[in-house]
PDB file of N, CA and C in Angstrom:
ATOM      1  N   UNK A   1      14.592  32.864 -16.168  1.00  0.00           N
ATOM      2  CA  UNK A   1      14.543  31.670 -15.242  1.00  0.00           C
ATOM      3  C   UNK A   1      13.903  30.404 -15.803  1.00  0.00           C
ATOM      4  N   UNK A   2      14.503  29.293 -15.725  1.00  0.00           N
ATOM      5  CA  UNK A   2      14.175  28.136 -16.065  1.00  0.00           C
ATOM      6  C   UNK A   2      12.939  27.493 -15.487  1.00  0.00           C
ATOM      7  N   UNK A   3      12.003  27.122 -16.150  1.00  0.00           N
ATOM      8  CA  UNK A   3      10.782  26.478 -15.297  1.00  0.00           C
ATOM      9  C   UNK A   3      11.087  24.996 -15.454  1.00  0.00           C
ATOM     10  N   UNK A   4      10.863  24.290 -14.203  1.00  0.00           N
ATOM     11  CA  UNK A   4      11.064  22.728 -14.309  1.00  0.00           C
ATOM     12  C   UNK A   4       9.661  22.054 -14.895  1.00  0.00           C
ATOM     13  N   UNK A   5       9.841  21.024 -15.588  1.00  0.00           N
ATOM     14  CA  UNK A   5       8.743  20.421 -16.030  1.00  0.00           C
ATOM     15  C   UNK A   5       7.802  19.972 -14.959  1.00  0.00           C
ATOM     16  N   UNK A   6       6.684  19.962 -15.182  1.00  0.00           N
ATOM     17  CA  UNK A   6       5.770  19.308 -13.991  1.00  0.00           C
ATOM     18  C   UNK A   6       5.584  17.901 -14.335  1.00  0.00           C
ATOM     19  N   UNK A   7       5.882  17.108 -13.267  1.00  0.00           N
ATOM     20  CA  UNK A   7       5.824  15.690 -13.235  1.00  0.00           C
ATOM     21  C   UNK A   7       4.944  15.239 -12.053  1.00  0.00           C
ATOM     22  N   UNK A   8       4.162  14.263 -12.426  1.00  0.00           N
ATOM     23  CA  UNK A   8       3.159  13.868 -11.321  1.00  0.00           C
ATOM     24  C   UNK A   8       3.714  12.687 -10.868  1.00  0.00           C
ATOM     25  N   UNK A   9       3.292  12.420  -9.594  1.00  0.00           N
ATOM     26  CA  UNK A   9       3.865  11.196  -8.914  1.00  0.00           C
ATOM     27  C   UNK A   9       3.339   9.907  -9.546  1.00  0.00           C
ATOM     28  N   UNK A  10       2.068   9.865 -10.050  1.00  0.00           N
ATOM     29  CA  UNK A  10       1.612   8.729 -10.753  1.00  0.00           C
ATOM     30  C   UNK A  10       2.489   8.337 -11.992  1.00  0.00           C
ATOM     31  N   UNK A  11       3.000   9.407 -12.818  1.00  0.00           N
ATOM     32  CA  UNK A  11       3.897   9.258 -13.919  1.00  0.00           C
ATOM     33  C   UNK A  11       5.187   8.509 -13.422  1.00  0.00           C
ATOM     34  N   UNK A  12       5.697   8.835 -12.288  1.00  0.00           N
ATOM     35  CA  UNK A  12       6.898   8.307 -11.778  1.00  0.00           C
ATOM     36  C   UNK A  12       6.712   6.723 -11.322  1.00  0.00           C
ATOM     37  N   UNK A  13       5.460   6.539 -10.573  1.00  0.00           N
ATOM     38  CA  UNK A  13       5.229   5.253 -10.114  1.00  0.00           C
ATOM     39  C   UNK A  13       4.836   4.242 -11.271  1.00  0.00           C
ATOM     40  N   UNK A  14       4.401   4.732 -12.311  1.00  0.00           N
ATOM     41  CA  UNK A  14       4.023   3.862 -13.505  1.00  0.00           C
ATOM     42  C   UNK A  14       5.403   3.281 -14.031  1.00  0.00           C
ATOM     43  N   UNK A  15       6.583   3.812 -13.731  1.00  0.00           N
ATOM     44  CA  UNK A  15       7.729   3.268 -14.225  1.00  0.00           C
ATOM     45  C   UNK A  15       8.050   2.021 -13.515  1.00  0.00           C
ATOM     46  N   UNK A  16       7.606   1.757 -12.293  1.00  0.00           N
ATOM     47  CA  UNK A  16       8.000   0.571 -11.412  1.00  0.00           C
ATOM     48  C   UNK A  16       6.964  -0.464 -11.949  1.00  0.00           C
ATOM     49  N   UNK A  17       7.450  -1.688 -11.628  1.00  0.00           N
ATOM     50  CA  UNK A  17       6.558  -2.843 -11.873  1.00  0.00           C
ATOM     51  C   UNK A  17       6.256  -3.690 -10.542  1.00  0.00           C
ATOM     52  N   UNK A  18       5.392  -4.399 -10.471  1.00  0.00           N
ATOM     53  CA  UNK A  18       4.849  -5.144  -9.267  1.00  0.00           C
ATOM     54  C   UNK A  18       4.670  -6.561  -9.731  1.00  0.00           C
ATOM     55  N   UNK A  19       5.364  -7.521  -9.278  1.00  0.00           N
ATOM     56  CA  UNK A  19       5.241  -9.048  -9.580  1.00  0.00           C
ATOM     57  C   UNK A  19       4.249  -9.438  -8.486  1.00  0.00           C
ATOM     58  N   UNK A  20       3.085  -9.916  -8.901  1.00  0.00           N
ATOM     59  CA  UNK A  20       2.039 -10.388  -7.979  1.00  0.00           C
ATOM     60  C   UNK A  20       2.299 -11.992  -7.522  1.00  0.00           C
ATOM     61  N   UNK A  21       2.275 -11.995  -6.142  1.00  0.00           N
ATOM     62  CA  UNK A  21       2.369 -13.414  -5.697  1.00  0.00           C
ATOM     63  C   UNK A  21       0.762 -14.052  -5.461  1.00  0.00           C
ATOM     64  N   UNK A  22       0.333 -14.564  -6.418  1.00  0.00           N
ATOM     65  CA  UNK A  22      -1.167 -14.940  -6.387  1.00  0.00           C
ATOM     66  C   UNK A  22      -1.346 -15.974  -5.217  1.00  0.00           C
ATOM     67  N   UNK A  23      -2.403 -15.497  -4.527  1.00  0.00           N
ATOM     68  CA  UNK A  23      -2.730 -16.399  -3.168  1.00  0.00           C
ATOM     69  C   UNK A  23      -2.008 -16.217  -2.003  1.00  0.00           C
ATOM     70  N   UNK A  24      -0.863 -15.217  -2.145  1.00  0.00           N
ATOM     71  CA  UNK A  24       0.145 -15.334  -0.953  1.00  0.00           C
ATOM     72  C   UNK A  24       0.139 -13.686  -0.775  1.00  0.00           C
ATOM     73  N   UNK A  25      -0.652 -12.841  -0.380  1.00  0.00           N
ATOM     74  CA  UNK A  25      -0.527 -11.404  -0.152  1.00  0.00           C
ATOM     75  C   UNK A  25       0.448 -11.333   1.109  1.00  0.00           C
ATOM     76  N   UNK A  26       1.249 -10.185   0.961  1.00  0.00           N
ATOM     77  CA  UNK A  26       2.169  -9.720   2.140  1.00  0.00           C
ATOM     78  C   UNK A  26       1.525  -8.887   3.120  1.00  0.00           C
ATOM     79  N   UNK A  27       0.330  -8.434   2.698  1.00  0.00           N
ATOM     80  CA  UNK A  27      -0.351  -7.541   3.586  1.00  0.00           C
ATOM     81  C   UNK A  27      -1.733  -7.957   3.993  1.00  0.00           C
ATOM     82  N   UNK A  28      -2.166  -8.173   5.119  1.00  0.00           N
ATOM     83  CA  UNK A  28      -3.573  -8.537   5.400  1.00  0.00           C
ATOM     84  C   UNK A  28      -4.057  -7.710   6.702  1.00  0.00           C
ATOM     85  N   UNK A  29      -5.285  -7.309   6.588  1.00  0.00           N
ATOM     86  CA  UNK A  29      -5.957  -6.409   7.456  1.00  0.00           C
ATOM     87  C   UNK A  29      -6.613  -7.382   8.652  1.00  0.00           C
ATOM     88  N   UNK A  30      -6.534  -7.163   9.898  1.00  0.00           N
ATOM     89  CA  UNK A  30      -7.435  -7.929  10.896  1.00  0.00           C
ATOM     90  C   UNK A  30      -8.881  -7.815  10.557  1.00  0.00           C
ATOM     91  N   UNK A  31      -9.639  -8.875  10.760  1.00  0.00           N
ATOM     92  CA  UNK A  31     -11.030  -8.841  10.605  1.00  0.00           C
ATOM     93  C   UNK A  31     -11.619  -7.658  11.428  1.00  0.00           C
ATOM     94  N   UNK A  32     -12.727  -6.934  10.920  1.00  0.00           N
ATOM     95  CA  UNK A  32     -13.370  -5.964  11.631  1.00  0.00           C
ATOM     96  C   UNK A  32     -14.576  -5.734  11.128  1.00  0.00           C
ATOM     97  N   UNK A  33     -15.563  -5.141  11.895  1.00  0.00           N
ATOM     98  CA  UNK A  33     -16.855  -4.597  11.381  1.00  0.00           C
ATOM     99  C   UNK A  33     -16.931  -3.302  11.284  1.00  0.00           C
ATOM    100  N   UNK A  34     -16.449  -2.495  12.154  1.00  0.00           N
ATOM    101  CA  UNK A  34     -16.290  -1.125  12.043  1.00  0.00           C
ATOM    102  C   UNK A  34     -14.769  -0.722  12.042  1.00  0.00           C
ATOM    103  N   UNK A  35     -14.114  -0.142  11.052  1.00  0.00           N
ATOM    104  CA  UNK A  35     -12.693   0.311  11.091  1.00  0.00           C
ATOM    105  C   UNK A  35     -12.462   1.305  12.126  1.00  0.00           C
ATOM    106  N   UNK A  36     -11.401   1.070  12.569  1.00  0.00           N
ATOM    107  CA  UNK A  36     -10.590   2.069  13.695  1.00  0.00           C
ATOM    108  C   UNK A  36     -10.273   3.328  12.880  1.00  0.00           C
ATOM    109  N   UNK A  37      -9.902   4.320  13.564  1.00  0.00           N
ATOM    110  CA  UNK A  37      -9.438   5.528  12.948  1.00  0.00           C
ATOM    111  C   UNK A  37      -8.183   5.302  12.284  1.00  0.00           C
ATOM    112  N   UNK A  38      -7.372   4.396  12.872  1.00  0.00           N
ATOM    113  CA  UNK A  38      -6.037   3.907  12.227  1.00  0.00           C
ATOM    114  C   UNK A  38      -6.347   3.457  10.929  1.00  0.00           C
ATOM    115  N   UNK A  39      -7.232   2.561  10.771  1.00  0.00           N
ATOM    116  CA  UNK A  39      -7.469   1.794   9.335  1.00  0.00           C
ATOM    117  C   UNK A  39      -7.977   2.841   8.611  1.00  0.00           C
ATOM    118  N   UNK A  40      -8.896   3.731   8.929  1.00  0.00           N
ATOM    119  CA  UNK A  40      -9.425   4.732   7.917  1.00  0.00           C
ATOM    120  C   UNK A  40      -8.242   5.564   7.514  1.00  0.00           C
ATOM    121  N   UNK A  41      -7.163   5.892   8.310  1.00  0.00           N
ATOM    122  CA  UNK A  41      -6.110   6.831   7.977  1.00  0.00           C
ATOM    123  C   UNK A  41      -5.376   6.190   6.863  1.00  0.00           C
ATOM    124  N   UNK A  42      -5.254   4.821   6.863  1.00  0.00           N
ATOM    125  CA  UNK A  42      -4.593   4.121   5.921  1.00  0.00           C
ATOM    126  C   UNK A  42      -4.997   4.452   4.340  1.00  0.00           C
ATOM    127  N   UNK A  43      -6.381   4.594   4.242  1.00  0.00           N
ATOM    128  CA  UNK A  43      -6.961   5.011   2.951  1.00  0.00           C
ATOM    129  C   UNK A  43      -6.465   6.277   2.545  1.00  0.00           C
ATOM    130  N   UNK A  44      -6.150   7.295   3.304  1.00  0.00           N
ATOM    131  CA  UNK A  44      -5.756   8.578   2.881  1.00  0.00           C
ATOM    132  C   UNK A  44      -4.113   8.534   2.853  1.00  0.00           C
ATOM    133  N   UNK A  45      -3.276   7.906   3.642  1.00  0.00           N
ATOM    134  CA  UNK A  45      -2.053   8.047   3.486  1.00  0.00           C
ATOM    135  C   UNK A  45      -1.078   6.977   2.731  1.00  0.00           C
ATOM    136  N   UNK A  46      -1.652   6.109   2.366  1.00  0.00           N
ATOM    137  CA  UNK A  46      -0.879   5.205   1.548  1.00  0.00           C
ATOM    138  C   UNK A  46      -0.510   5.656   0.160  1.00  0.00           C
ATOM    139  N   UNK A  47       0.756   5.739  -0.113  1.00  0.00           N
ATOM    140  CA  UNK A  47       1.192   6.554  -1.517  1.00  0.00           C
ATOM    141  C   UNK A  47       0.902   5.630  -2.659  1.00  0.00           C
ATOM    142  N   UNK A  48       0.616   4.362  -2.401  1.00  0.00           N
ATOM    143  CA  UNK A  48       0.248   3.490  -3.754  1.00  0.00           C
ATOM    144  C   UNK A  48      -1.221   3.416  -3.904  1.00  0.00           C
ATOM    145  N   UNK A  49      -1.906   3.807  -2.830  1.00  0.00           N
ATOM    146  CA  UNK A  49      -3.336   3.674  -2.755  1.00  0.00           C
ATOM    147  C   UNK A  49      -3.939   2.237  -2.679  1.00  0.00           C
ATOM    148  N   UNK A  50      -3.273   1.566  -1.772  1.00  0.00           N
ATOM    149  CA  UNK A  50      -3.587   0.051  -1.606  1.00  0.00           C
ATOM    150  C   UNK A  50      -4.822  -0.120  -0.789  1.00  0.00           C
ATOM    151  N   UNK A  51      -5.320   1.030  -0.046  1.00  0.00           N
ATOM    152  CA  UNK A  51      -6.140   0.699   0.878  1.00  0.00           C
ATOM    153  C   UNK A  51      -7.463   1.700   0.455  1.00  0.00           C
ATOM    154  N   UNK A  52      -8.655   0.871   0.526  1.00  0.00           N
ATOM    155  CA  UNK A  52      -9.959   1.580   0.135  1.00  0.00           C
ATOM    156  C   UNK A  52     -11.031   1.223   1.005  1.00  0.00           C
ATOM    157  N   UNK A  53     -12.012   1.908   1.284  1.00  0.00           N
ATOM    158  CA  UNK A  53     -13.232   1.704   1.971  1.00  0.00           C
ATOM    159  C   UNK A  53     -14.160   0.964   1.121  1.00  0.00           C
ATOM    160  N   UNK A  54     -14.638  -0.209   1.571  1.00  0.00           N
ATOM    161  CA  UNK A  54     -15.602  -0.976   0.808  1.00  0.00           C
ATOM    162  C   UNK A  54     -16.974  -0.461   0.947  1.00  0.00           C
ATOM    163  N   UNK A  55     -18.093  -0.945   0.030  1.00  0.00           N
ATOM    164  CA  UNK A  55     -19.287  -0.443   0.229  1.00  0.00           C
ATOM    165  C   UNK A  55     -19.985  -0.687   1.607  1.00  0.00           C
ATOM    166  N   UNK A  56     -19.570  -1.647   2.123  1.00  0.00           N
ATOM    167  CA  UNK A  56     -20.076  -2.088   3.684  1.00  0.00           C
ATOM    168  C   UNK A  56     -19.278  -1.174   4.926  1.00  0.00           C
ATOM    169  N   UNK A  57     -18.428  -0.403   4.296  1.00  0.00           N
ATOM    170  CA  UNK A  57     -17.635   0.494   5.364  1.00  0.00           C
ATOM    171  C   UNK A  57     -16.544  -0.157   6.091  1.00  0.00           C
ATOM    172  N   UNK A  58     -16.028  -1.283   5.545  1.00  0.00           N
ATOM    173  CA  UNK A  58     -14.736  -1.969   6.139  1.00  0.00           C
ATOM    174  C   UNK A  58     -13.549  -1.473   5.193  1.00  0.00           C
ATOM    175  N   UNK A  59     -12.346  -1.449   5.798  1.00  0.00           N
ATOM    176  CA  UNK A  59     -11.158  -0.974   5.045  1.00  0.00           C
ATOM    177  C   UNK A  59     -10.678  -2.351   4.410  1.00  0.00           C
ATOM    178  N   UNK A  60     -10.398  -2.170   2.980  1.00  0.00           N
ATOM    179  CA  UNK A  60      -9.791  -3.489   2.378  1.00  0.00           C
ATOM    180  C   UNK A  60      -8.422  -3.123   1.866  1.00  0.00           C
ATOM    181  N   UNK A  61      -7.647  -4.094   1.692  1.00  0.00           N
ATOM    182  CA  UNK A  61      -6.269  -3.842   1.002  1.00  0.00           C
ATOM    183  C   UNK A  61      -6.151  -4.558  -0.256  1.00  0.00           C
ATOM    184  N   UNK A  62      -5.599  -3.943  -1.213  1.00  0.00           N
ATOM    185  CA  UNK A  62      -5.137  -4.430  -2.477  1.00  0.00           C
ATOM    186  C   UNK A  62      -3.652  -4.426  -2.560  1.00  0.00           C
ATOM    187  N   UNK A  63      -2.914  -5.382  -2.165  1.00  0.00           N
ATOM    188  CA  UNK A  63      -1.537  -5.275  -2.097  1.00  0.00           C
ATOM    189  C   UNK A  63      -0.753  -5.203  -3.480  1.00  0.00           C
ATOM    190  N   UNK A  64      -1.398  -5.364  -4.425  1.00  0.00           N
ATOM    191  CA  UNK A  64      -0.888  -5.337  -5.798  1.00  0.00           C
ATOM    192  C   UNK A  64      -0.518  -3.864  -6.149  1.00  0.00           C
ATOM    193  N   UNK A  65       0.767  -3.612  -6.342  1.00  0.00           N
ATOM    194  CA  UNK A  65       1.040  -2.109  -6.423  1.00  0.00           C
ATOM    195  C   UNK A  65       1.774  -1.601  -5.179  1.00  0.00           C
ATOM    196  N   UNK A  66       1.819  -2.343  -4.086  1.00  0.00           N
ATOM    197  CA  UNK A  66       2.431  -1.853  -2.841  1.00  0.00           C
ATOM    198  C   UNK A  66       3.925  -1.508  -3.086  1.00  0.00           C
ATOM    199  N   UNK A  67       4.299  -0.368  -2.643  1.00  0.00           N
ATOM    200  CA  UNK A  67       5.710   0.105  -2.755  1.00  0.00           C
ATOM    201  C   UNK A  67       6.498  -0.371  -1.752  1.00  0.00           C
ATOM    202  N   UNK A  68       6.002  -1.032  -0.738  1.00  0.00           N
ATOM    203  CA  UNK A  68       6.770  -1.698   0.412  1.00  0.00           C
ATOM    204  C   UNK A  68       7.336  -0.580   1.134  1.00  0.00           C
ATOM    205  N   UNK A  69       6.736   0.671   1.387  1.00  0.00           N
ATOM    206  CA  UNK A  69       7.435   1.836   2.056  1.00  0.00           C
ATOM    207  C   UNK A  69       7.465   1.768   3.562  1.00  0.00           C
ATOM    208  N   UNK A  70       6.493   0.974   4.149  1.00  0.00           N
ATOM    209  CA  UNK A  70       6.392   0.796   5.406  1.00  0.00           C
ATOM    210  C   UNK A  70       5.316   1.898   6.159  1.00  0.00           C
ATOM    211  N   UNK A  71       4.703   2.654   5.416  1.00  0.00           N
ATOM    212  CA  UNK A  71       3.858   3.698   6.128  1.00  0.00           C
ATOM    213  C   UNK A  71       2.811   2.974   6.901  1.00  0.00           C
ATOM    214  N   UNK A  72       2.055   1.981   6.331  1.00  0.00           N
ATOM    215  CA  UNK A  72       1.088   1.307   7.047  1.00  0.00           C
ATOM    216  C   UNK A  72       1.336   0.449   8.234  1.00  0.00           C
ATOM    217  N   UNK A  73       2.864  -0.096   8.075  1.00  0.00           N
ATOM    218  CA  UNK A  73       3.368  -0.714   9.169  1.00  0.00           C
ATOM    219  C   UNK A  73       3.454   0.091  10.488  1.00  0.00           C
ATOM    220  N   UNK A  74       3.912   1.342  10.168  1.00  0.00           N
ATOM    221  CA  UNK A  74       4.249   2.418  11.186  1.00  0.00           C
ATOM    222  C   UNK A  74       2.938   2.771  11.809  1.00  0.00           C
ATOM    223  N   UNK A  75       1.980   3.032  10.991  1.00  0.00           N
ATOM    224  CA  UNK A  75       0.782   3.431  11.548  1.00  0.00           C
ATOM    225  C   UNK A  75      -0.003   2.528  12.491  1.00  0.00           C
ATOM    226  N   UNK A  76       0.153   1.052  12.024  1.00  0.00           N
ATOM    227  CA  UNK A  76      -0.489   0.100  12.806  1.00  0.00           C
ATOM    228  C   UNK A  76       0.325  -0.642  13.804  1.00  0.00           C
ATOM    229  N   UNK A  77       1.433  -0.187  14.032  1.00  0.00           N
ATOM    230  CA  UNK A  77       2.479  -0.792  14.805  1.00  0.00           C
ATOM    231  C   UNK A  77       1.756  -0.959  16.281  1.00  0.00           C
ATOM    232  N   UNK A  78       1.119  -0.148  16.811  1.00  0.00           N
ATOM    233  CA  UNK A  78       0.718  -0.450  18.188  1.00  0.00           C
ATOM    234  C   UNK A  78      -0.590  -1.016  18.288  1.00  0.00           C
ATOM    235  N   UNK A  79      -1.494  -0.837  17.225  1.00  0.00           N
ATOM    236  CA  UNK A  79      -2.967  -1.348  17.286  1.00  0.00           C
ATOM    237  C   UNK A  79      -2.803  -2.893  16.753  1.00  0.00           C
ATOM    238  N   UNK A  80      -1.893  -3.375  16.079  1.00  0.00           N
ATOM    239  CA  UNK A  80      -1.746  -4.648  15.501  1.00  0.00           C
ATOM    240  C   UNK A  80      -2.781  -5.116  14.609  1.00  0.00           C
ATOM    241  N   UNK A  81      -3.447  -4.030  13.938  1.00  0.00           N
ATOM    242  CA  UNK A  81      -4.531  -4.402  13.065  1.00  0.00           C
ATOM    243  C   UNK A  81      -3.959  -4.848  11.524  1.00  0.00           C
ATOM    244  N   UNK A  82      -2.705  -4.921  11.438  1.00  0.00           N
ATOM    245  CA  UNK A  82      -2.203  -5.315  10.115  1.00  0.00           C
ATOM    246  C   UNK A  82      -1.121  -6.293  10.318  1.00  0.00           C
ATOM    247  N   UNK A  83      -1.314  -7.397   9.402  1.00  0.00           N
ATOM    248  CA  UNK A  83      -0.145  -8.321   9.334  1.00  0.00           C
ATOM    249  C   UNK A  83       0.754  -8.062   7.994  1.00  0.00           C
ATOM    250  N   UNK A  84       1.843  -7.501   8.158  1.00  0.00           N
ATOM    251  CA  UNK A  84       2.585  -7.027   7.043  1.00  0.00           C
ATOM    252  C   UNK A  84       4.062  -7.724   7.013  1.00  0.00           C
ATOM    253  N   UNK A  85       4.347  -8.549   5.858  1.00  0.00           N
ATOM    254  CA  UNK A  85       5.749  -9.210   5.811  1.00  0.00           C
ATOM    255  C   UNK A  85       6.182  -8.786   4.304  1.00  0.00           C
ATOM    256  N   UNK A  86       7.454  -8.836   4.252  1.00  0.00           N
ATOM    257  CA  UNK A  86       8.002  -8.725   2.998  1.00  0.00           C
ATOM    258  C   UNK A  86       7.693  -9.717   1.807  1.00  0.00           C
ATOM    259  N   UNK A  87       7.349  -9.412   0.727  1.00  0.00           N
ATOM    260  CA  UNK A  87       6.954 -10.436  -0.143  1.00  0.00           C
ATOM    261  C   UNK A  87       8.086 -11.501  -0.200  1.00  0.00           C
ATOM    262  N   UNK A  88       7.551 -12.629  -0.764  1.00  0.00           N
ATOM    263  CA  UNK A  88       8.428 -13.804  -0.922  1.00  0.00           C
ATOM    264  C   UNK A  88       9.696 -13.319  -2.019  1.00  0.00           C
ATOM    265  N   UNK A  89      10.800 -13.889  -2.053  1.00  0.00           N
ATOM    266  CA  UNK A  89      11.856 -13.484  -3.053  1.00  0.00           C
ATOM    267  C   UNK A  89      11.378 -13.581  -4.306  1.00  0.00           C
ATOM    268  N   UNK A  90      11.597 -12.421  -5.092  1.00  0.00           N
ATOM    269  CA  UNK A  90      11.208 -12.324  -6.638  1.00  0.00           C
ATOM    270  C   UNK A  90       9.826 -11.855  -6.848  1.00  0.00           C
ATOM    271  N   UNK A  91       9.131 -11.517  -5.727  1.00  0.00           N
ATOM    272  CA  UNK A  91       7.810 -10.951  -5.908  1.00  0.00           C
ATOM    273  C   UNK A  91       7.710  -9.452  -5.187  1.00  0.00           C
ATOM    274  N   UNK A  92       6.738  -8.745  -5.431  1.00  0.00           N
ATOM    275  CA  UNK A  92       6.760  -7.409  -4.892  1.00  0.00           C
ATOM    276  C   UNK A  92       7.187  -6.364  -5.807  1.00  0.00           C
ATOM    277  N   UNK A  93       7.540  -5.229  -5.372  1.00  0.00           N
ATOM    278  CA  UNK A  93       7.906  -4.062  -6.139  1.00  0.00           C
ATOM    279  C   UNK A  93       9.271  -4.241  -6.979  1.00  0.00           C
ATOM    280  N   UNK A  94       9.343  -3.809  -8.170  1.00  0.00           N
ATOM    281  CA  UNK A  94      10.432  -4.017  -8.766  1.00  0.00           C
ATOM    282  C   UNK A  94      10.722  -2.466  -9.533  1.00  0.00           C
ATOM    283  N   UNK A  95      11.508  -1.840  -8.767  1.00  0.00           N
ATOM    284  CA  UNK A  95      11.967  -0.417  -8.992  1.00  0.00           C
ATOM    285  C   UNK A  95      12.672  -0.373 -10.341  1.00  0.00           C
ATOM    286  N   UNK A  96      12.278   0.585 -11.236  1.00  0.00           N
ATOM    287  CA  UNK A  96      12.942   0.708 -12.563  1.00  0.00           C
ATOM    288  C   UNK A  96      14.327   1.346 -12.326  1.00  0.00           C
ATOM    289  N   UNK A  97      14.278   2.343 -11.463  1.00  0.00           N
ATOM    290  CA  UNK A  97      15.587   3.128 -11.210  1.00  0.00           C
ATOM    291  C   UNK A  97      16.331   2.876 -10.009  1.00  0.00           C
ATOM    292  N   UNK A  98      16.591   1.647  -9.605  1.00  0.00           N
ATOM    293  CA  UNK A  98      17.113   1.267  -8.234  1.00  0.00           C
ATOM    294  C   UNK A  98      16.912   0.026  -7.997  1.00  0.00           C
TER     295      UNK A  98
END
């Protein structure tokens, strides 16, 4: 029986590139003092790891590296806590194999 090589998601993601649009992020979180459960969930489910909890307990987004998968859009669709737009032309994720 042939064993398939173990490939980590991080190794695959490293193949992609992200062109940053300085000063014009395509994802913004609504101001909050205490994050909702929805925002806390983003920290756990974002496949690119763009969401983090800050030291003061707020959820922050670092959209550099965003894969534009839409997970955060779906989670925050009803709450309206996220402003998400596609990056301007020429910016954002640049997939190596596609």
